[in-house]
Amino acid sequence: MEVRYSTTDIYDMLYRLGVTANYVGFFHTAYAVSLCIDQPDRLLLVTKWLYPEIAKQYNTNWKAVERNIRMVNAIIWRENRPLLEEMAHRTLEHKPHTAQMLAILSANVPEQRVEKAASS
């Protein structure tokens, strides 16, 4: 059985958290979440393993990616902190670091289990 997720599900989650697509960080964050779902250890060294990959995808530099994702984090904290806390399964006393926020988001993307077709 294979687990899949939809980019639309990630976008919907960001919209529910108060982030809209008029921010470049919206797309950087969505791509970051998808990369973290595929390879969770990217969260261990975001500036070395995650941001450069996103920067390459969007033809920018890792510092711009970091800034844009930090902006999304600030928007989520300001616009829908209760939903973020619900997703984290705990009260958050302080705004989470970027990697923490990405971990929370990655853990909350709906999964769709798909049966792999038998090869003949």
PDB file of N, CA and C in Angstrom:
ATOM      1  N   MET A   1       0.845  -1.176   0.000  1.00  0.00           N
ATOM      2  CA  MET A   1       0.000   0.000   0.000  1.00  0.00           C
ATOM      3  C   MET A   1       0.892   1.240   0.000  1.00  0.00           C
ATOM      4  N   GLU A   2       0.566   2.184  -0.812  1.00  0.00           N
ATOM      5  CA  GLU A   2       1.339   3.404  -0.958  1.00  0.00           C
ATOM      6  C   GLU A   2       0.556   4.570  -0.346  1.00  0.00           C
ATOM      7  N   VAL A   3       1.267   5.480   0.303  1.00  0.00           N
ATOM      8  CA  VAL A   3       0.626   6.659   0.887  1.00  0.00           C
ATOM      9  C   VAL A   3       0.899   7.844  -0.026  1.00  0.00           C
ATOM     10  N   ARG A   4      -0.143   8.552  -0.353  1.00  0.00           N
ATOM     11  CA  ARG A   4      -0.025   9.739  -1.199  1.00  0.00           C
ATOM     12  C   ARG A   4      -0.720  10.906  -0.530  1.00  0.00           C
ATOM     13  N   TYR A   5      -0.396  12.073  -0.980  1.00  0.00           N
ATOM     14  CA  TYR A   5      -1.048  13.284  -0.500  1.00  0.00           C
ATOM     15  C   TYR A   5      -1.238  14.189  -1.711  1.00  0.00           C
ATOM     16  N   SER A   6      -2.108  15.134  -1.562  1.00  0.00           N
ATOM     17  CA  SER A   6      -2.405  16.032  -2.666  1.00  0.00           C
ATOM     18  C   SER A   6      -1.861  17.428  -2.357  1.00  0.00           C
ATOM     19  N   THR A   7      -1.276  18.065  -3.366  1.00  0.00           N
ATOM     20  CA  THR A   7      -0.827  19.447  -3.209  1.00  0.00           C
ATOM     21  C   THR A   7      -2.016  20.335  -2.852  1.00  0.00           C
ATOM     22  N   THR A   8      -3.167  20.007  -3.379  1.00  0.00           N
ATOM     23  CA  THR A   8      -4.383  20.754  -3.065  1.00  0.00           C
ATOM     24  C   THR A   8      -4.691  20.684  -1.573  1.00  0.00           C
ATOM     25  N   ASP A   9      -4.453  19.524  -0.955  1.00  0.00           N
ATOM     26  CA  ASP A   9      -4.668  19.393   0.487  1.00  0.00           C
ATOM     27  C   ASP A   9      -3.736  20.322   1.263  1.00  0.00           C
ATOM     28  N   ILE A  10      -2.498  20.454   0.812  1.00  0.00           N
ATOM     29  CA  ILE A  10      -1.542  21.352   1.469  1.00  0.00           C
ATOM     30  C   ILE A  10      -1.998  22.796   1.298  1.00  0.00           C
ATOM     31  N   TYR A  11      -2.411  23.156   0.087  1.00  0.00           N
ATOM     32  CA  TYR A  11      -2.911  24.517  -0.152  1.00  0.00           C
ATOM     33  C   TYR A  11      -4.130  24.808   0.725  1.00  0.00           C
ATOM     34  N   ASP A  12      -5.063  23.864   0.791  1.00  0.00           N
ATOM     35  CA  ASP A  12      -6.259  24.054   1.617  1.00  0.00           C
ATOM     36  C   ASP A  12      -5.896  24.265   3.081  1.00  0.00           C
ATOM     37  N   MET A  13      -4.934  23.501   3.572  1.00  0.00           N
ATOM     38  CA  MET A  13      -4.503  23.637   4.959  1.00  0.00           C
ATOM     39  C   MET A  13      -3.925  25.036   5.199  1.00  0.00           C
ATOM     40  N   LEU A  14      -3.106  25.520   4.279  1.00  0.00           N
ATOM     41  CA  LEU A  14      -2.538  26.861   4.423  1.00  0.00           C
ATOM     42  C   LEU A  14      -3.621  27.932   4.383  1.00  0.00           C
ATOM     43  N   TYR A  15      -4.606  27.762   3.504  1.00  0.00           N
ATOM     44  CA  TYR A  15      -5.732  28.710   3.453  1.00  0.00           C
ATOM     45  C   TYR A  15      -6.486  28.728   4.778  1.00  0.00           C
ATOM     46  N   ARG A  16      -6.738  27.538   5.350  1.00  0.00           N
ATOM     47  CA  ARG A  16      -7.449  27.466   6.634  1.00  0.00           C
ATOM     48  C   ARG A  16      -6.662  28.154   7.744  1.00  0.00           C
ATOM     49  N   LEU A  17      -5.335  28.129   7.631  1.00  0.00           N
ATOM     50  CA  LEU A  17      -4.490  28.763   8.632  1.00  0.00           C
ATOM     51  C   LEU A  17      -4.350  30.270   8.416  1.00  0.00           C
ATOM     52  N   GLY A  18      -4.919  30.790   7.336  1.00  0.00           N
ATOM     53  CA  GLY A  18      -4.918  32.232   7.100  1.00  0.00           C
ATOM     54  C   GLY A  18      -3.903  32.732   6.095  1.00  0.00           C
ATOM     55  N   VAL A  19      -3.205  31.830   5.426  1.00  0.00           N
ATOM     56  CA  VAL A  19      -2.203  32.224   4.430  1.00  0.00           C
ATOM     57  C   VAL A  19      -2.840  32.125   3.051  1.00  0.00           C
ATOM     58  N   THR A  20      -2.644  33.142   2.233  1.00  0.00           N
ATOM     59  CA  THR A  20      -3.214  33.129   0.885  1.00  0.00           C
ATOM     60  C   THR A  20      -2.097  33.098  -0.156  1.00  0.00           C
ATOM     61  N   ALA A  21      -2.480  32.780  -1.367  1.00  0.00           N
ATOM     62  CA  ALA A  21      -1.517  32.567  -2.445  1.00  0.00           C
ATOM     63  C   ALA A  21      -0.896  33.859  -2.972  1.00  0.00           C
ATOM     64  N   ASN A  22      -1.266  35.005  -2.423  1.00  0.00           N
ATOM     65  CA  ASN A  22      -0.627  36.236  -2.886  1.00  0.00           C
ATOM     66  C   ASN A  22       0.736  36.438  -2.219  1.00  0.00           C
ATOM     67  N   TYR A  23       1.118  35.533  -1.315  1.00  0.00           N
ATOM     68  CA  TYR A  23       2.447  35.560  -0.716  1.00  0.00           C
ATOM     69  C   TYR A  23       3.316  34.520  -1.408  1.00  0.00           C
ATOM     70  N   VAL A  24       4.531  34.899  -1.787  1.00  0.00           N
ATOM     71  CA  VAL A  24       5.458  33.947  -2.393  1.00  0.00           C
ATOM     72  C   VAL A  24       5.710  32.809  -1.410  1.00  0.00           C
ATOM     73  N   GLY A  25       5.748  33.129  -0.140  1.00  0.00           N
ATOM     74  CA  GLY A  25       5.984  32.136   0.891  1.00  0.00           C
ATOM     75  C   GLY A  25       4.934  31.041   0.929  1.00  0.00           C
ATOM     76  N   PHE A  26       3.746  31.330   0.425  1.00  0.00           N
ATOM     77  CA  PHE A  26       2.688  30.319   0.353  1.00  0.00           C
ATOM     78  C   PHE A  26       3.194  29.111  -0.430  1.00  0.00           C
ATOM     79  N   PHE A  27       3.763  29.369  -1.602  1.00  0.00           N
ATOM     80  CA  PHE A  27       4.232  28.295  -2.468  1.00  0.00           C
ATOM     81  C   PHE A  27       5.515  27.668  -1.944  1.00  0.00           C
ATOM     82  N   HIS A  28       6.388  28.490  -1.362  1.00  0.00           N
ATOM     83  CA  HIS A  28       7.607  27.950  -0.755  1.00  0.00           C
ATOM     84  C   HIS A  28       7.247  27.016   0.401  1.00  0.00           C
ATOM     85  N   THR A  29       6.294  27.433   1.217  1.00  0.00           N
ATOM     86  CA  THR A  29       5.881  26.620   2.363  1.00  0.00           C
ATOM     87  C   THR A  29       5.205  25.333   1.903  1.00  0.00           C
ATOM     88  N   ALA A  30       4.338  25.433   0.917  1.00  0.00           N
ATOM     89  CA  ALA A  30       3.655  24.240   0.402  1.00  0.00           C
ATOM     90  C   ALA A  30       4.674  23.231  -0.144  1.00  0.00           C
ATOM     91  N   TYR A  31       5.658  23.714  -0.874  1.00  0.00           N
ATOM     92  CA  TYR A  31       6.685  22.827  -1.417  1.00  0.00           C
ATOM     93  C   TYR A  31       7.533  22.244  -0.291  1.00  0.00           C
ATOM     94  N   ALA A  32       7.842  23.067   0.706  1.00  0.00           N
ATOM     95  CA  ALA A  32       8.605  22.594   1.865  1.00  0.00           C
ATOM     96  C   ALA A  32       7.861  21.473   2.586  1.00  0.00           C
ATOM     97  N   VAL A  33       6.568  21.644   2.769  1.00  0.00           N
ATOM     98  CA  VAL A  33       5.762  20.616   3.434  1.00  0.00           C
ATOM     99  C   VAL A  33       5.799  19.325   2.621  1.00  0.00           C
ATOM    100  N   SER A  34       5.650  19.426   1.308  1.00  0.00           N
ATOM    101  CA  SER A  34       5.669  18.214   0.484  1.00  0.00           C
ATOM    102  C   SER A  34       7.027  17.528   0.554  1.00  0.00           C
ATOM    103  N   LEU A  35       8.108  18.300   0.555  1.00  0.00           N
ATOM    104  CA  LEU A  35       9.444  17.705   0.668  1.00  0.00           C
ATOM    105  C   LEU A  35       9.630  17.031   2.030  1.00  0.00           C
ATOM    106  N   CYS A  36       9.093  17.651   3.070  1.00  0.00           N
ATOM    107  CA  CYS A  36       9.227  17.088   4.423  1.00  0.00           C
ATOM    108  C   CYS A  36       8.382  15.833   4.605  1.00  0.00           C
ATOM    109  N   ILE A  37       7.278  15.754   3.915  1.00  0.00           N
ATOM    110  CA  ILE A  37       6.471  14.528   3.959  1.00  0.00           C
ATOM    111  C   ILE A  37       7.248  13.395   3.290  1.00  0.00           C
ATOM    112  N   ASP A  38       7.850  13.700   2.139  1.00  0.00           N
ATOM    113  CA  ASP A  38       8.599  12.688   1.400  1.00  0.00           C
ATOM    114  C   ASP A  38       9.864  12.253   2.126  1.00  0.00           C
ATOM    115  N   GLN A  39      10.507  13.194   2.816  1.00  0.00           N
ATOM    116  CA  GLN A  39      11.771  12.897   3.499  1.00  0.00           C
ATOM    117  C   GLN A  39      11.840  13.712   4.795  1.00  0.00           C
ATOM    118  N   PRO A  40      11.260  13.187   5.882  1.00  0.00           N
ATOM    119  CA  PRO A  40      11.162  13.929   7.140  1.00  0.00           C
ATOM    120  C   PRO A  40      12.498  14.384   7.737  1.00  0.00           C
ATOM    121  N   ASP A  41      13.591  13.699   7.419  1.00  0.00           N
ATOM    122  CA  ASP A  41      14.867  14.123   8.001  1.00  0.00           C
ATOM    123  C   ASP A  41      15.362  15.459   7.458  1.00  0.00           C
ATOM    124  N   ARG A  42      14.715  15.990   6.449  1.00  0.00           N
ATOM    125  CA  ARG A  42      15.047  17.337   5.958  1.00  0.00           C
ATOM    126  C   ARG A  42      14.813  18.381   7.045  1.00  0.00           C
ATOM    127  N   LEU A  43      13.916  18.072   7.982  1.00  0.00           N
ATOM    128  CA  LEU A  43      13.614  19.005   9.067  1.00  0.00           C
ATOM    129  C   LEU A  43      14.778  19.141  10.047  1.00  0.00           C
ATOM    130  N   LEU A  44      15.727  18.225   9.993  1.00  0.00           N
ATOM    131  CA  LEU A  44      16.866  18.279  10.914  1.00  0.00           C
ATOM    132  C   LEU A  44      17.808  19.431  10.599  1.00  0.00           C
ATOM    133  N   LEU A  45      18.019  19.691   9.325  1.00  0.00           N
ATOM    134  CA  LEU A  45      18.899  20.784   8.900  1.00  0.00           C
ATOM    135  C   LEU A  45      18.227  21.562   7.769  1.00  0.00           C
ATOM    136  N   VAL A  46      17.270  22.397   8.131  1.00  0.00           N
ATOM    137  CA  VAL A  46      16.480  23.079   7.102  1.00  0.00           C
ATOM    138  C   VAL A  46      17.318  24.001   6.225  1.00  0.00           C
ATOM    139  N   THR A  47      18.306  24.685   6.800  1.00  0.00           N
ATOM    140  CA  THR A  47      19.103  25.608   5.978  1.00  0.00           C
ATOM    141  C   THR A  47      20.057  24.877   5.040  1.00  0.00           C
ATOM    142  N   LYS A  48      20.354  23.629   5.355  1.00  0.00           N
ATOM    143  CA  LYS A  48      21.286  22.875   4.523  1.00  0.00           C
ATOM    144  C   LYS A  48      20.578  21.939   3.556  1.00  0.00           C
ATOM    145  N   TRP A  49      19.473  21.315   3.993  1.00  0.00           N
ATOM    146  CA  TRP A  49      18.818  20.285   3.192  1.00  0.00           C
ATOM    147  C   TRP A  49      17.494  20.719   2.571  1.00  0.00           C
ATOM    148  N   LEU A  50      16.827  21.675   3.182  1.00  0.00           N
ATOM    149  CA  LEU A  50      15.484  22.019   2.714  1.00  0.00           C
ATOM    150  C   LEU A  50      15.458  23.309   1.893  1.00  0.00           C
ATOM    151  N   TYR A  51      15.926  24.401   2.475  1.00  0.00           N
ATOM    152  CA  TYR A  51      15.866  25.690   1.784  1.00  0.00           C
ATOM    153  C   TYR A  51      16.582  25.698   0.433  1.00  0.00           C
ATOM    154  N   PRO A  52      17.769  25.099   0.310  1.00  0.00           N
ATOM    155  CA  PRO A  52      18.423  25.099  -1.012  1.00  0.00           C
ATOM    156  C   PRO A  52      17.605  24.378  -2.090  1.00  0.00           C
ATOM    157  N   GLU A  53      16.927  23.294  -1.690  1.00  0.00           N
ATOM    158  CA  GLU A  53      16.098  22.552  -2.658  1.00  0.00           C
ATOM    159  C   GLU A  53      14.920  23.408  -3.132  1.00  0.00           C
ATOM    160  N   ILE A  54      14.301  24.124  -2.212  1.00  0.00           N
ATOM    161  CA  ILE A  54      13.185  25.011  -2.560  1.00  0.00           C
ATOM    162  C   ILE A  54      13.693  26.160  -3.425  1.00  0.00           C
ATOM    163  N   ALA A  55      14.839  26.720  -3.051  1.00  0.00           N
ATOM    164  CA  ALA A  55      15.427  27.824  -3.822  1.00  0.00           C
ATOM    165  C   ALA A  55      15.700  27.405  -5.255  1.00  0.00           C
ATOM    166  N   LYS A  56      16.198  26.182  -5.425  1.00  0.00           N
ATOM    167  CA  LYS A  56      16.476  25.671  -6.780  1.00  0.00           C
ATOM    168  C   LYS A  56      15.174  25.557  -7.574  1.00  0.00           C
ATOM    169  N   GLN A  57      14.139  25.039  -6.931  1.00  0.00           N
ATOM    170  CA  GLN A  57      12.839  24.867  -7.592  1.00  0.00           C
ATOM    171  C   GLN A  57      12.257  26.209  -8.048  1.00  0.00           C
ATOM    172  N   TYR A  58      12.426  27.252  -7.228  1.00  0.00           N
ATOM    173  CA  TYR A  58      11.817  28.549  -7.510  1.00  0.00           C
ATOM    174  C   TYR A  58      12.812  29.583  -8.029  1.00  0.00           C
ATOM    175  N   ASN A  59      14.021  29.135  -8.376  1.00  0.00           N
ATOM    176  CA  ASN A  59      15.033  29.993  -8.980  1.00  0.00           C
ATOM    177  C   ASN A  59      15.314  31.241  -8.135  1.00  0.00           C
ATOM    178  N   THR A  60      15.599  31.004  -6.862  1.00  0.00           N
ATOM    179  CA  THR A  60      15.938  32.088  -5.950  1.00  0.00           C
ATOM    180  C   THR A  60      17.040  31.591  -5.029  1.00  0.00           C
ATOM    181  N   ASN A  61      17.301  32.302  -3.946  1.00  0.00           N
ATOM    182  CA  ASN A  61      18.333  31.846  -3.015  1.00  0.00           C
ATOM    183  C   ASN A  61      17.711  31.392  -1.706  1.00  0.00           C
ATOM    184  N   TRP A  62      18.479  30.642  -0.932  1.00  0.00           N
ATOM    185  CA  TRP A  62      17.929  30.039   0.287  1.00  0.00           C
ATOM    186  C   TRP A  62      17.527  31.091   1.312  1.00  0.00           C
ATOM    187  N   LYS A  63      18.186  32.246   1.314  1.00  0.00           N
ATOM    188  CA  LYS A  63      17.839  33.291   2.276  1.00  0.00           C
ATOM    189  C   LYS A  63      16.451  33.866   1.990  1.00  0.00           C
ATOM    190  N   ALA A  64      16.114  34.005   0.718  1.00  0.00           N
ATOM    191  CA  ALA A  64      14.776  34.477   0.350  1.00  0.00           C
ATOM    192  C   ALA A  64      13.721  33.447   0.749  1.00  0.00           C
ATOM    193  N   VAL A  65      14.042  32.180   0.555  1.00  0.00           N
ATOM    194  CA  VAL A  65      13.127  31.098   0.949  1.00  0.00           C
ATOM    195  C   VAL A  65      12.887  31.148   2.454  1.00  0.00           C
ATOM    196  N   GLU A  66      13.974  31.267   3.213  1.00  0.00           N
ATOM    197  CA  GLU A  66      13.857  31.326   4.672  1.00  0.00           C
ATOM    198  C   GLU A  66      12.991  32.507   5.103  1.00  0.00           C
ATOM    199  N   ARG A  67      13.228  33.664   4.536  1.00  0.00           N
ATOM    200  CA  ARG A  67      12.452  34.871   4.867  1.00  0.00           C
ATOM    201  C   ARG A  67      10.974  34.675   4.528  1.00  0.00           C
ATOM    202  N   ASN A  68      10.689  34.117   3.366  1.00  0.00           N
ATOM    203  CA  ASN A  68       9.301  33.939   2.938  1.00  0.00           C
ATOM    204  C   ASN A  68       8.560  32.928   3.808  1.00  0.00           C
ATOM    205  N   ILE A  69       9.232  31.861   4.202  1.00  0.00           N
ATOM    206  CA  ILE A  69       8.594  30.866   5.075  1.00  0.00           C
ATOM    207  C   ILE A  69       8.409  31.437   6.481  1.00  0.00           C
ATOM    208  N   ARG A  70       9.372  32.245   6.940  1.00  0.00           N
ATOM    209  CA  ARG A  70       9.216  32.920   8.244  1.00  0.00           C
ATOM    210  C   ARG A  70       7.994  33.843   8.227  1.00  0.00           C
ATOM    211  N   MET A  71       7.777  34.511   7.103  1.00  0.00           N
ATOM    212  CA  MET A  71       6.612  35.394   6.962  1.00  0.00           C
ATOM    213  C   MET A  71       5.322  34.586   7.063  1.00  0.00           C
ATOM    214  N   VAL A  72       5.285  33.441   6.414  1.00  0.00           N
ATOM    215  CA  VAL A  72       4.109  32.561   6.497  1.00  0.00           C
ATOM    216  C   VAL A  72       3.887  32.127   7.940  1.00  0.00           C
ATOM    217  N   ASN A  73       4.956  31.789   8.629  1.00  0.00           N
ATOM    218  CA  ASN A  73       4.857  31.397  10.033  1.00  0.00           C
ATOM    219  C   ASN A  73       4.234  32.527  10.860  1.00  0.00           C
ATOM    220  N   ALA A  74       4.667  33.756  10.621  1.00  0.00           N
ATOM    221  CA  ALA A  74       4.130  34.909  11.350  1.00  0.00           C
ATOM    222  C   ALA A  74       2.639  35.112  11.033  1.00  0.00           C
ATOM    223  N   ILE A  75       2.269  34.908   9.785  1.00  0.00           N
ATOM    224  CA  ILE A  75       0.863  35.061   9.381  1.00  0.00           C
ATOM    225  C   ILE A  75       0.002  34.005  10.071  1.00  0.00           C
ATOM    226  N   ILE A  76       0.474  32.769  10.064  1.00  0.00           N
ATOM    227  CA  ILE A  76      -0.274  31.687  10.713  1.00  0.00           C
ATOM    228  C   ILE A  76      -0.439  31.992  12.195  1.00  0.00           C
ATOM    229  N   TRP A  77       0.630  32.438  12.830  1.00  0.00           N
ATOM    230  CA  TRP A  77       0.594  32.743  14.266  1.00  0.00           C
ATOM    231  C   TRP A  77      -0.417  33.858  14.548  1.00  0.00           C
ATOM    232  N   ARG A  78      -0.456  34.855  13.679  1.00  0.00           N
ATOM    233  CA  ARG A  78      -1.349  36.000  13.870  1.00  0.00           C
ATOM    234  C   ARG A  78      -2.797  35.680  13.495  1.00  0.00           C
ATOM    235  N   GLU A  79      -2.994  34.947  12.408  1.00  0.00           N
ATOM    236  CA  GLU A  79      -4.334  34.757  11.864  1.00  0.00           C
ATOM    237  C   GLU A  79      -5.100  33.570  12.445  1.00  0.00           C
ATOM    238  N   ASN A  80      -4.394  32.467  12.734  1.00  0.00           N
ATOM    239  CA  ASN A  80      -5.135  31.290  13.188  1.00  0.00           C
ATOM    240  C   ASN A  80      -4.312  30.439  14.153  1.00  0.00           C
ATOM    241  N   ARG A  81      -3.864  31.087  15.198  1.00  0.00           N
ATOM    242  CA  ARG A  81      -3.094  30.372  16.218  1.00  0.00           C
ATOM    243  C   ARG A  81      -3.871  29.193  16.822  1.00  0.00           C
ATOM    244  N   PRO A  82      -5.187  29.339  17.087  1.00  0.00           N
ATOM    245  CA  PRO A  82      -5.917  28.198  17.659  1.00  0.00           C
ATOM    246  C   PRO A  82      -5.856  26.938  16.784  1.00  0.00           C
ATOM    247  N   LEU A  83      -5.966  27.091  15.470  1.00  0.00           N
ATOM    248  CA  LEU A  83      -5.892  25.919  14.588  1.00  0.00           C
ATOM    249  C   LEU A  83      -4.485  25.329  14.600  1.00  0.00           C
ATOM    250  N   LEU A  84      -3.464  26.175  14.611  1.00  0.00           N
ATOM    251  CA  LEU A  84      -2.092  25.686  14.683  1.00  0.00           C
ATOM    252  C   LEU A  84      -1.879  24.895  15.970  1.00  0.00           C
ATOM    253  N   GLU A  85      -2.402  25.398  17.085  1.00  0.00           N
ATOM    254  CA  GLU A  85      -2.274  24.690  18.363  1.00  0.00           C
ATOM    255  C   GLU A  85      -3.040  23.368  18.330  1.00  0.00           C
ATOM    256  N   GLU A  86      -4.184  23.373  17.675  1.00  0.00           N
ATOM    257  CA  GLU A  86      -4.950  22.123  17.523  1.00  0.00           C
ATOM    258  C   GLU A  86      -4.143  21.105  16.722  1.00  0.00           C
ATOM    259  N   MET A  87      -3.497  21.572  15.664  1.00  0.00           N
ATOM    260  CA  MET A  87      -2.681  20.688  14.842  1.00  0.00           C
ATOM    261  C   MET A  87      -1.457  20.185  15.605  1.00  0.00           C
ATOM    262  N   ALA A  88      -0.925  21.009  16.509  1.00  0.00           N
ATOM    263  CA  ALA A  88       0.246  20.633  17.296  1.00  0.00           C
ATOM    264  C   ALA A  88      -0.131  19.753  18.488  1.00  0.00           C
ATOM    265  N   HIS A  89      -1.419  19.662  18.785  1.00  0.00           N
ATOM    266  CA  HIS A  89      -1.936  18.884  19.911  1.00  0.00           C
ATOM    267  C   HIS A  89      -1.439  19.406  21.253  1.00  0.00           C
ATOM    268  N   ARG A  90      -1.189  20.714  21.303  1.00  0.00           N
ATOM    269  CA  ARG A  90      -0.770  21.323  22.566  1.00  0.00           C
ATOM    270  C   ARG A  90      -0.865  22.839  22.460  1.00  0.00           C
ATOM    271  N   THR A  91      -0.823  23.486  23.606  1.00  0.00           N
ATOM    272  CA  THR A  91      -0.792  24.945  23.649  1.00  0.00           C
ATOM    273  C   THR A  91       0.623  25.402  23.318  1.00  0.00           C
ATOM    274  N   LEU A  92       0.721  26.398  22.481  1.00  0.00           N
ATOM    275  CA  LEU A  92       2.024  26.939  22.104  1.00  0.00           C
ATOM    276  C   LEU A  92       2.202  28.282  22.804  1.00  0.00           C
ATOM    277  N   GLU A  93       3.155  28.350  23.702  1.00  0.00           N
ATOM    278  CA  GLU A  93       3.411  29.582  24.458  1.00  0.00           C
ATOM    279  C   GLU A  93       4.064  30.648  23.582  1.00  0.00           C
ATOM    280  N   HIS A  94       4.897  30.201  22.644  1.00  0.00           N
ATOM    281  CA  HIS A  94       5.623  31.110  21.756  1.00  0.00           C
ATOM    282  C   HIS A  94       5.437  30.654  20.323  1.00  0.00           C
ATOM    283  N   LYS A  95       5.618  31.594  19.424  1.00  0.00           N
ATOM    284  CA  LYS A  95       5.547  31.243  18.004  1.00  0.00           C
ATOM    285  C   LYS A  95       6.608  30.184  17.727  1.00  0.00           C
ATOM    286  N   PRO A  96       6.244  29.089  17.046  1.00  0.00           N
ATOM    287  CA  PRO A  96       7.229  28.035  16.788  1.00  0.00           C
ATOM    288  C   PRO A  96       8.297  28.495  15.803  1.00  0.00           C
ATOM    289  N   HIS A  97       9.469  27.883  15.914  1.00  0.00           N
ATOM    290  CA  HIS A  97      10.513  28.123  14.916  1.00  0.00           C
ATOM    291  C   HIS A  97      10.012  27.564  13.590  1.00  0.00           C
ATOM    292  N   THR A  98      10.615  27.986  12.519  1.00  0.00           N
ATOM    293  CA  THR A  98      10.180  27.575  11.189  1.00  0.00           C
ATOM    294  C   THR A  98      10.157  26.060  11.032  1.00  0.00           C
ATOM    295  N   ALA A  99      11.210  25.388  11.464  1.00  0.00           N
ATOM    296  CA  ALA A  99      11.262  23.929  11.331  1.00  0.00           C
ATOM    297  C   ALA A  99      10.153  23.269  12.149  1.00  0.00           C
ATOM    298  N   GLN A 100       9.852  23.824  13.321  1.00  0.00           N
ATOM    299  CA  GLN A 100       8.766  23.279  14.145  1.00  0.00           C
ATOM    300  C   GLN A 100       7.429  23.446  13.442  1.00  0.00           C
ATOM    301  N   MET A 101       7.212  24.624  12.857  1.00  0.00           N
ATOM    302  CA  MET A 101       5.970  24.873  12.132  1.00  0.00           C
ATOM    303  C   MET A 101       5.836  23.929  10.942  1.00  0.00           C
ATOM    304  N   LEU A 102       6.925  23.715  10.214  1.00  0.00           N
ATOM    305  CA  LEU A 102       6.882  22.807   9.069  1.00  0.00           C
ATOM    306  C   LEU A 102       6.611  21.376   9.519  1.00  0.00           C
ATOM    307  N   ALA A 103       7.146  20.992  10.661  1.00  0.00           N
ATOM    308  CA  ALA A 103       6.888  19.651  11.193  1.00  0.00           C
ATOM    309  C   ALA A 103       5.411  19.494  11.552  1.00  0.00           C
ATOM    310  N   ILE A 104       4.837  20.512  12.172  1.00  0.00           N
ATOM    311  CA  ILE A 104       3.409  20.474  12.524  1.00  0.00           C
ATOM    312  C   ILE A 104       2.561  20.363  11.264  1.00  0.00           C
ATOM    313  N   LEU A 105       2.858  21.191  10.276  1.00  0.00           N
ATOM    314  CA  LEU A 105       2.086  21.164   9.027  1.00  0.00           C
ATOM    315  C   LEU A 105       2.239  19.822   8.317  1.00  0.00           C
ATOM    316  N   SER A 106       3.459  19.314   8.245  1.00  0.00           N
ATOM    317  CA  SER A 106       3.711  18.039   7.551  1.00  0.00           C
ATOM    318  C   SER A 106       2.954  16.888   8.195  1.00  0.00           C
ATOM    319  N   ALA A 107       2.843  16.933   9.498  1.00  0.00           N
ATOM    320  CA  ALA A 107       2.150  15.860  10.220  1.00  0.00           C
ATOM    321  C   ALA A 107       0.640  15.933  10.063  1.00  0.00           C
ATOM    322  N   ASN A 108       0.134  17.035   9.528  1.00  0.00           N
ATOM    323  CA  ASN A 108      -1.314  17.227   9.446  1.00  0.00           C
ATOM    324  C   ASN A 108      -1.882  17.230   8.038  1.00  0.00           C
ATOM    325  N   VAL A 109      -1.083  16.850   7.058  1.00  0.00           N
ATOM    326  CA  VAL A 109      -1.593  16.741   5.685  1.00  0.00           C
ATOM    327  C   VAL A 109      -2.349  15.425   5.576  1.00  0.00           C
ATOM    328  N   PRO A 110      -3.585  15.470   5.102  1.00  0.00           N
ATOM    329  CA  PRO A 110      -4.355  14.221   4.975  1.00  0.00           C
ATOM    330  C   PRO A 110      -3.666  13.239   4.029  1.00  0.00           C
ATOM    331  N   GLU A 111      -3.619  11.991   4.462  1.00  0.00           N
ATOM    332  CA  GLU A 111      -3.010  10.943   3.639  1.00  0.00           C
ATOM    333  C   GLU A 111      -4.093  10.166   2.909  1.00  0.00           C
ATOM    334  N   GLN A 112      -3.751   9.725   1.734  1.00  0.00           N
ATOM    335  CA  GLN A 112      -4.648   8.863   0.983  1.00  0.00           C
ATOM    336  C   GLN A 112      -3.885   7.578   0.706  1.00  0.00           C
ATOM    337  N   ARG A 113      -4.390   6.486   1.224  1.00  0.00           N
ATOM    338  CA  ARG A 113      -3.730   5.196   1.007  1.00  0.00           C
ATOM    339  C   ARG A 113      -4.220   4.617  -0.319  1.00  0.00           C
ATOM    340  N   VAL A 114      -3.264   4.257  -1.148  1.00  0.00           N
ATOM    341  CA  VAL A 114      -3.587   3.766  -2.493  1.00  0.00           C
ATOM    342  C   VAL A 114      -2.987   2.378  -2.655  1.00  0.00           C
ATOM    343  N   GLU A 115      -3.822   1.457  -3.107  1.00  0.00           N
ATOM    344  CA  GLU A 115      -3.336   0.104  -3.381  1.00  0.00           C
ATOM    345  C   GLU A 115      -2.469   0.159  -4.640  1.00  0.00           C
ATOM    346  N   LYS A 116      -1.304  -0.423  -4.565  1.00  0.00           N
ATOM    347  CA  LYS A 116      -0.438  -0.484  -5.738  1.00  0.00           C
ATOM    348  C   LYS A 116      -0.979  -1.549  -6.673  1.00  0.00           C
ATOM    349  N   ALA A 117      -0.991  -1.243  -7.948  1.00  0.00           N
ATOM    350  CA  ALA A 117      -1.457  -2.217  -8.946  1.00  0.00           C
ATOM    351  C   ALA A 117      -0.442  -3.352  -9.051  1.00  0.00           C
ATOM    352  N   ALA A 118      -0.926  -4.545  -9.132  1.00  0.00           N
ATOM    353  CA  ALA A 118      -0.053  -5.722  -9.252  1.00  0.00           C
ATOM    354  C   ALA A 118       0.581  -5.741 -10.615  1.00  0.00           C
ATOM    355  N   SER A 119       1.892  -5.939 -10.658  1.00  0.00           N
ATOM    356  CA  SER A 119       2.610  -6.008 -11.938  1.00  0.00           C
ATOM    357  C   SER A 119       2.505  -7.409 -12.501  1.00  0.00           C
ATOM    358  N   SER A 120       2.287  -7.492 -13.807  1.00  0.00           N
ATOM    359  CA  SER A 120       2.210  -8.827 -14.401  1.00  0.00           C
ATOM    360  C   SER A 120       3.403  -9.114 -15.241  1.00  0.00           C
TER     361      SER A 120
END
